[in-house]
N, C-alpha and C. Protein backbone atom coordinates (compact mmCIF):
# COMPACT_ATOMS: atom_id res chain seq x y z
N UNK A 1 -1.87 -27.15 -14.38
CA UNK A 1 -1.83 -25.98 -13.54
C UNK A 1 -2.45 -26.35 -12.19
N UNK A 2 -1.81 -25.96 -11.11
CA UNK A 2 -2.27 -26.28 -9.77
C UNK A 2 -3.26 -25.27 -9.21
N UNK A 3 -3.27 -24.06 -9.72
CA UNK A 3 -4.17 -23.03 -9.22
C UNK A 3 -3.92 -21.70 -9.90
N UNK A 4 -4.85 -20.77 -9.72
CA UNK A 4 -4.75 -19.43 -10.28
C UNK A 4 -4.67 -18.46 -9.11
N UNK A 5 -3.67 -17.59 -9.11
CA UNK A 5 -3.44 -16.70 -7.97
C UNK A 5 -3.39 -15.25 -8.40
N UNK A 6 -3.91 -14.35 -7.56
CA UNK A 6 -3.69 -12.91 -7.65
C UNK A 6 -2.85 -12.58 -6.43
N UNK A 7 -1.62 -12.19 -6.66
CA UNK A 7 -0.65 -12.05 -5.59
C UNK A 7 -0.57 -13.38 -4.84
N UNK A 8 -0.85 -13.40 -3.53
CA UNK A 8 -0.74 -14.64 -2.76
C UNK A 8 -2.07 -15.34 -2.53
N UNK A 9 -3.18 -14.77 -3.04
CA UNK A 9 -4.50 -15.36 -2.82
C UNK A 9 -4.95 -16.16 -4.03
N UNK A 10 -5.42 -17.39 -3.76
CA UNK A 10 -5.92 -18.23 -4.84
C UNK A 10 -7.26 -17.69 -5.33
N UNK A 11 -7.46 -17.69 -6.64
CA UNK A 11 -8.70 -17.24 -7.27
C UNK A 11 -9.56 -18.47 -7.56
N UNK A 12 -10.84 -18.41 -7.17
CA UNK A 12 -11.77 -19.51 -7.40
C UNK A 12 -12.84 -19.05 -8.38
N UNK A 13 -13.13 -19.84 -9.38
CA UNK A 13 -14.21 -19.56 -10.32
C UNK A 13 -13.84 -18.51 -11.35
N UNK A 14 -13.70 -17.26 -10.93
CA UNK A 14 -13.33 -16.16 -11.82
C UNK A 14 -12.73 -15.04 -10.98
N UNK A 15 -12.12 -14.08 -11.66
CA UNK A 15 -11.50 -12.96 -10.94
C UNK A 15 -12.56 -12.10 -10.26
N UNK A 16 -12.20 -11.45 -9.18
CA UNK A 16 -13.10 -10.54 -8.48
C UNK A 16 -13.37 -9.31 -9.33
N UNK A 17 -14.57 -8.74 -9.16
CA UNK A 17 -14.98 -7.56 -9.90
C UNK A 17 -14.58 -6.32 -9.10
N UNK A 18 -13.68 -5.47 -9.63
CA UNK A 18 -13.24 -4.29 -8.87
C UNK A 18 -14.33 -3.22 -8.73
N UNK A 19 -15.45 -3.34 -9.45
CA UNK A 19 -16.51 -2.36 -9.39
C UNK A 19 -17.70 -2.83 -8.56
N UNK A 20 -17.54 -3.92 -7.86
CA UNK A 20 -18.62 -4.50 -7.08
C UNK A 20 -18.19 -4.61 -5.61
N UNK A 21 -19.05 -4.16 -4.70
CA UNK A 21 -18.76 -4.24 -3.28
C UNK A 21 -19.16 -5.62 -2.76
N UNK A 22 -18.23 -6.28 -2.12
CA UNK A 22 -18.52 -7.51 -1.40
C UNK A 22 -17.77 -7.40 -0.08
N UNK A 23 -18.55 -7.30 0.99
CA UNK A 23 -17.96 -7.06 2.30
C UNK A 23 -18.73 -7.86 3.35
N UNK A 24 -18.02 -8.39 4.32
CA UNK A 24 -18.65 -9.13 5.41
C UNK A 24 -18.36 -8.38 6.71
N UNK A 25 -19.45 -8.10 7.44
CA UNK A 25 -19.33 -7.36 8.70
C UNK A 25 -19.75 -8.23 9.87
N UNK A 26 -19.02 -8.14 10.97
CA UNK A 26 -19.41 -8.80 12.21
C UNK A 26 -20.60 -8.05 12.79
N UNK A 27 -21.49 -8.75 13.47
CA UNK A 27 -22.69 -8.12 14.02
C UNK A 27 -23.04 -8.74 15.37
N UNK A 28 -23.79 -7.98 16.18
CA UNK A 28 -24.33 -8.52 17.43
C UNK A 28 -25.85 -8.66 17.32
N UNK A 29 -26.37 -8.55 16.10
CA UNK A 29 -27.80 -8.67 15.84
C UNK A 29 -28.29 -10.08 16.18
N UNK A 30 -29.47 -10.17 16.79
CA UNK A 30 -30.04 -11.47 17.13
C UNK A 30 -30.78 -12.01 15.91
N UNK A 31 -30.35 -13.18 15.42
CA UNK A 31 -30.96 -13.80 14.23
C UNK A 31 -31.46 -15.19 14.61
N UNK A 32 -32.75 -15.41 14.33
CA UNK A 32 -33.35 -16.73 14.51
C UNK A 32 -33.85 -17.20 13.14
N UNK A 33 -33.69 -18.50 12.87
CA UNK A 33 -34.16 -19.08 11.62
C UNK A 33 -35.16 -20.17 11.94
N UNK A 34 -36.38 -20.03 11.41
CA UNK A 34 -37.44 -21.02 11.62
C UNK A 34 -37.86 -21.57 10.27
N UNK A 35 -38.16 -22.86 10.25
CA UNK A 35 -38.70 -23.51 9.06
C UNK A 35 -39.70 -24.54 9.52
N UNK A 36 -40.92 -24.44 9.00
CA UNK A 36 -42.01 -25.36 9.38
C UNK A 36 -42.21 -25.41 10.90
N UNK A 37 -42.00 -24.27 11.57
CA UNK A 37 -42.20 -24.20 13.01
C UNK A 37 -41.02 -24.68 13.85
N UNK A 38 -39.97 -25.19 13.21
CA UNK A 38 -38.77 -25.65 13.93
C UNK A 38 -37.73 -24.54 13.94
N UNK A 39 -37.10 -24.32 15.09
CA UNK A 39 -35.99 -23.38 15.16
C UNK A 39 -34.74 -24.09 14.63
N UNK A 40 -34.26 -23.64 13.49
CA UNK A 40 -33.11 -24.25 12.82
C UNK A 40 -31.80 -23.64 13.35
N UNK A 41 -31.84 -22.33 13.68
CA UNK A 41 -30.63 -21.65 14.14
C UNK A 41 -31.02 -20.46 15.00
N UNK A 42 -30.12 -20.11 15.93
CA UNK A 42 -30.34 -18.99 16.84
C UNK A 42 -28.97 -18.45 17.21
N UNK A 43 -28.68 -17.20 16.81
CA UNK A 43 -27.35 -16.64 17.09
C UNK A 43 -27.43 -15.16 17.43
N UNK A 44 -26.44 -14.70 18.16
CA UNK A 44 -26.26 -13.28 18.42
C UNK A 44 -24.91 -12.82 17.88
N UNK A 45 -24.29 -13.66 17.05
CA UNK A 45 -23.00 -13.32 16.44
C UNK A 45 -22.98 -13.65 14.95
N UNK A 46 -23.98 -13.15 14.19
CA UNK A 46 -23.95 -13.43 12.75
C UNK A 46 -22.90 -12.57 12.05
N UNK A 47 -22.59 -12.93 10.84
CA UNK A 47 -21.80 -12.10 9.96
C UNK A 47 -22.73 -11.71 8.82
N UNK A 48 -22.72 -10.44 8.44
CA UNK A 48 -23.62 -9.94 7.41
C UNK A 48 -22.83 -9.70 6.13
N UNK A 49 -23.30 -10.31 5.05
CA UNK A 49 -22.67 -10.15 3.74
C UNK A 49 -23.38 -9.02 3.00
N UNK A 50 -22.63 -8.00 2.63
CA UNK A 50 -23.13 -6.88 1.83
C UNK A 50 -22.54 -7.01 0.44
N UNK A 51 -23.41 -7.07 -0.57
CA UNK A 51 -22.95 -7.23 -1.94
C UNK A 51 -23.77 -6.33 -2.85
N UNK A 52 -23.10 -5.58 -3.71
CA UNK A 52 -23.75 -4.63 -4.60
C UNK A 52 -24.91 -5.28 -5.34
N UNK A 53 -26.09 -4.65 -5.24
CA UNK A 53 -27.25 -5.10 -5.99
C UNK A 53 -28.00 -6.28 -5.41
N UNK A 54 -27.58 -6.79 -4.27
CA UNK A 54 -28.24 -7.95 -3.66
C UNK A 54 -28.69 -7.62 -2.24
N UNK A 55 -29.72 -8.31 -1.74
CA UNK A 55 -30.14 -8.08 -0.35
C UNK A 55 -29.07 -8.58 0.62
N UNK A 56 -29.08 -8.06 1.83
CA UNK A 56 -28.14 -8.53 2.85
C UNK A 56 -28.37 -10.01 3.12
N UNK A 57 -27.27 -10.72 3.34
CA UNK A 57 -27.36 -12.14 3.69
C UNK A 57 -26.61 -12.37 4.98
N UNK A 58 -27.11 -13.29 5.77
CA UNK A 58 -26.53 -13.58 7.07
C UNK A 58 -25.82 -14.92 7.05
N UNK A 59 -24.62 -14.93 7.58
CA UNK A 59 -23.87 -16.18 7.76
C UNK A 59 -23.82 -16.43 9.27
N UNK A 60 -24.20 -17.63 9.66
CA UNK A 60 -24.31 -17.95 11.08
C UNK A 60 -23.21 -18.91 11.49
N UNK A 61 -22.69 -18.75 12.72
CA UNK A 61 -21.67 -19.68 13.21
C UNK A 61 -22.23 -21.11 13.26
N UNK A 62 -21.43 -22.05 12.87
CA UNK A 62 -21.86 -23.46 12.84
C UNK A 62 -22.37 -23.93 14.20
N UNK A 63 -21.75 -23.45 15.27
CA UNK A 63 -22.17 -23.85 16.62
C UNK A 63 -23.57 -23.38 16.97
N UNK A 64 -24.10 -22.38 16.25
CA UNK A 64 -25.43 -21.84 16.54
C UNK A 64 -26.52 -22.42 15.64
N UNK A 65 -26.18 -23.43 14.86
CA UNK A 65 -27.13 -24.12 13.99
C UNK A 65 -27.44 -25.47 14.61
N UNK A 66 -28.71 -25.83 14.67
CA UNK A 66 -29.12 -27.11 15.23
C UNK A 66 -28.78 -28.21 14.21
N UNK A 67 -27.63 -28.83 14.40
CA UNK A 67 -27.09 -29.77 13.42
C UNK A 67 -27.89 -31.05 13.27
N UNK A 68 -28.81 -31.33 14.21
CA UNK A 68 -29.60 -32.55 14.08
C UNK A 68 -30.51 -32.51 12.85
N UNK A 69 -30.73 -31.31 12.27
CA UNK A 69 -31.56 -31.19 11.07
C UNK A 69 -30.74 -31.27 9.78
N UNK A 70 -29.42 -31.14 9.87
CA UNK A 70 -28.56 -31.07 8.69
C UNK A 70 -28.23 -32.45 8.12
N UNK A 71 -28.25 -32.54 6.79
CA UNK A 71 -27.85 -33.75 6.08
C UNK A 71 -26.88 -33.32 4.98
N UNK A 72 -25.72 -33.97 4.86
CA UNK A 72 -24.76 -33.59 3.82
C UNK A 72 -25.38 -33.69 2.43
N UNK A 73 -25.01 -32.77 1.56
CA UNK A 73 -25.47 -32.75 0.18
C UNK A 73 -24.27 -32.92 -0.74
N UNK A 74 -24.50 -33.34 -1.95
CA UNK A 74 -23.40 -33.49 -2.92
C UNK A 74 -23.11 -32.18 -3.65
N UNK A 75 -23.95 -31.15 -3.45
CA UNK A 75 -23.77 -29.87 -4.14
C UNK A 75 -22.56 -29.12 -3.61
N UNK A 76 -21.75 -28.61 -4.53
CA UNK A 76 -20.60 -27.76 -4.21
C UNK A 76 -20.63 -26.58 -5.16
N UNK A 77 -20.43 -25.37 -4.65
CA UNK A 77 -20.35 -24.19 -5.52
C UNK A 77 -18.97 -23.55 -5.38
N UNK A 78 -18.64 -22.70 -6.35
CA UNK A 78 -17.34 -22.03 -6.35
C UNK A 78 -17.59 -20.53 -6.51
N UNK A 79 -16.92 -19.74 -5.68
CA UNK A 79 -17.07 -18.29 -5.70
C UNK A 79 -15.69 -17.65 -5.51
N UNK A 80 -15.39 -16.58 -6.26
CA UNK A 80 -14.09 -15.94 -6.09
C UNK A 80 -13.90 -15.28 -4.73
N UNK A 81 -14.98 -15.08 -3.98
CA UNK A 81 -14.89 -14.44 -2.67
C UNK A 81 -14.85 -15.43 -1.52
N UNK A 82 -15.66 -16.48 -1.58
CA UNK A 82 -15.71 -17.43 -0.47
C UNK A 82 -15.03 -18.75 -0.78
N UNK A 83 -14.61 -18.94 -2.02
CA UNK A 83 -13.94 -20.19 -2.40
C UNK A 83 -14.97 -21.28 -2.68
N UNK A 84 -14.63 -22.49 -2.30
CA UNK A 84 -15.54 -23.63 -2.50
C UNK A 84 -16.46 -23.77 -1.30
N UNK A 85 -17.74 -24.00 -1.56
CA UNK A 85 -18.71 -24.16 -0.49
C UNK A 85 -19.45 -25.49 -0.65
N UNK A 86 -19.49 -26.27 0.41
CA UNK A 86 -20.27 -27.51 0.44
C UNK A 86 -21.62 -27.21 1.05
N UNK A 87 -22.66 -27.87 0.57
CA UNK A 87 -24.02 -27.59 1.00
C UNK A 87 -24.57 -28.69 1.91
N UNK A 88 -25.66 -28.34 2.59
CA UNK A 88 -26.40 -29.28 3.43
C UNK A 88 -27.88 -29.18 3.06
N UNK A 89 -28.59 -30.27 3.21
CA UNK A 89 -30.04 -30.27 3.12
C UNK A 89 -30.57 -30.27 4.55
N UNK A 90 -31.82 -29.83 4.71
CA UNK A 90 -32.46 -29.84 6.03
C UNK A 90 -33.56 -30.88 6.03
N UNK A 91 -33.54 -31.75 7.04
CA UNK A 91 -34.56 -32.77 7.17
C UNK A 91 -35.41 -32.46 8.39
N UNK A 92 -36.71 -32.26 8.14
CA UNK A 92 -37.66 -31.97 9.20
C UNK A 92 -38.77 -33.01 9.11
N UNK A 93 -38.71 -34.01 9.97
CA UNK A 93 -39.69 -35.10 9.91
C UNK A 93 -39.58 -35.83 8.59
N UNK A 94 -40.66 -35.87 7.82
CA UNK A 94 -40.68 -36.53 6.52
C UNK A 94 -40.28 -35.60 5.38
N UNK A 95 -40.02 -34.32 5.66
CA UNK A 95 -39.70 -33.34 4.62
C UNK A 95 -38.20 -33.14 4.50
N UNK A 96 -37.70 -33.08 3.26
CA UNK A 96 -36.29 -32.80 3.01
C UNK A 96 -36.19 -31.57 2.14
N UNK A 97 -35.52 -30.54 2.63
CA UNK A 97 -35.28 -29.31 1.88
C UNK A 97 -33.87 -29.38 1.34
N UNK A 98 -33.76 -29.68 0.05
CA UNK A 98 -32.45 -29.97 -0.56
C UNK A 98 -31.61 -28.71 -0.70
N UNK A 99 -30.32 -28.86 -0.40
CA UNK A 99 -29.30 -27.84 -0.67
C UNK A 99 -29.67 -26.46 -0.12
N UNK A 100 -30.13 -26.43 1.11
CA UNK A 100 -30.65 -25.19 1.69
C UNK A 100 -29.58 -24.40 2.44
N UNK A 101 -28.53 -25.03 2.88
CA UNK A 101 -27.52 -24.34 3.68
C UNK A 101 -26.12 -24.74 3.25
N UNK A 102 -25.16 -23.84 3.47
CA UNK A 102 -23.76 -24.18 3.21
C UNK A 102 -22.88 -23.63 4.30
């Protein structure tokens, strides 16, 4: 089997839950991300993920993340809403924060 589809959309991991809200909204909110005193990201165009029973999560444009801290990770996750996601670790000096971003 090459894939599992609902109508024309490929399903990843498992079918979507019709009783659960998963919505992504565009925002003009200013979001800054700091770790160990380093500014990792700074954006005024985040996307906010709203999901039933979970706190809001922010997705930031790749161009607004300071990529000099990112290191590719071997971790990959699968979600019926976002598909396959590859992760990155963050390296700050001698410290490595594994699988912190995707």
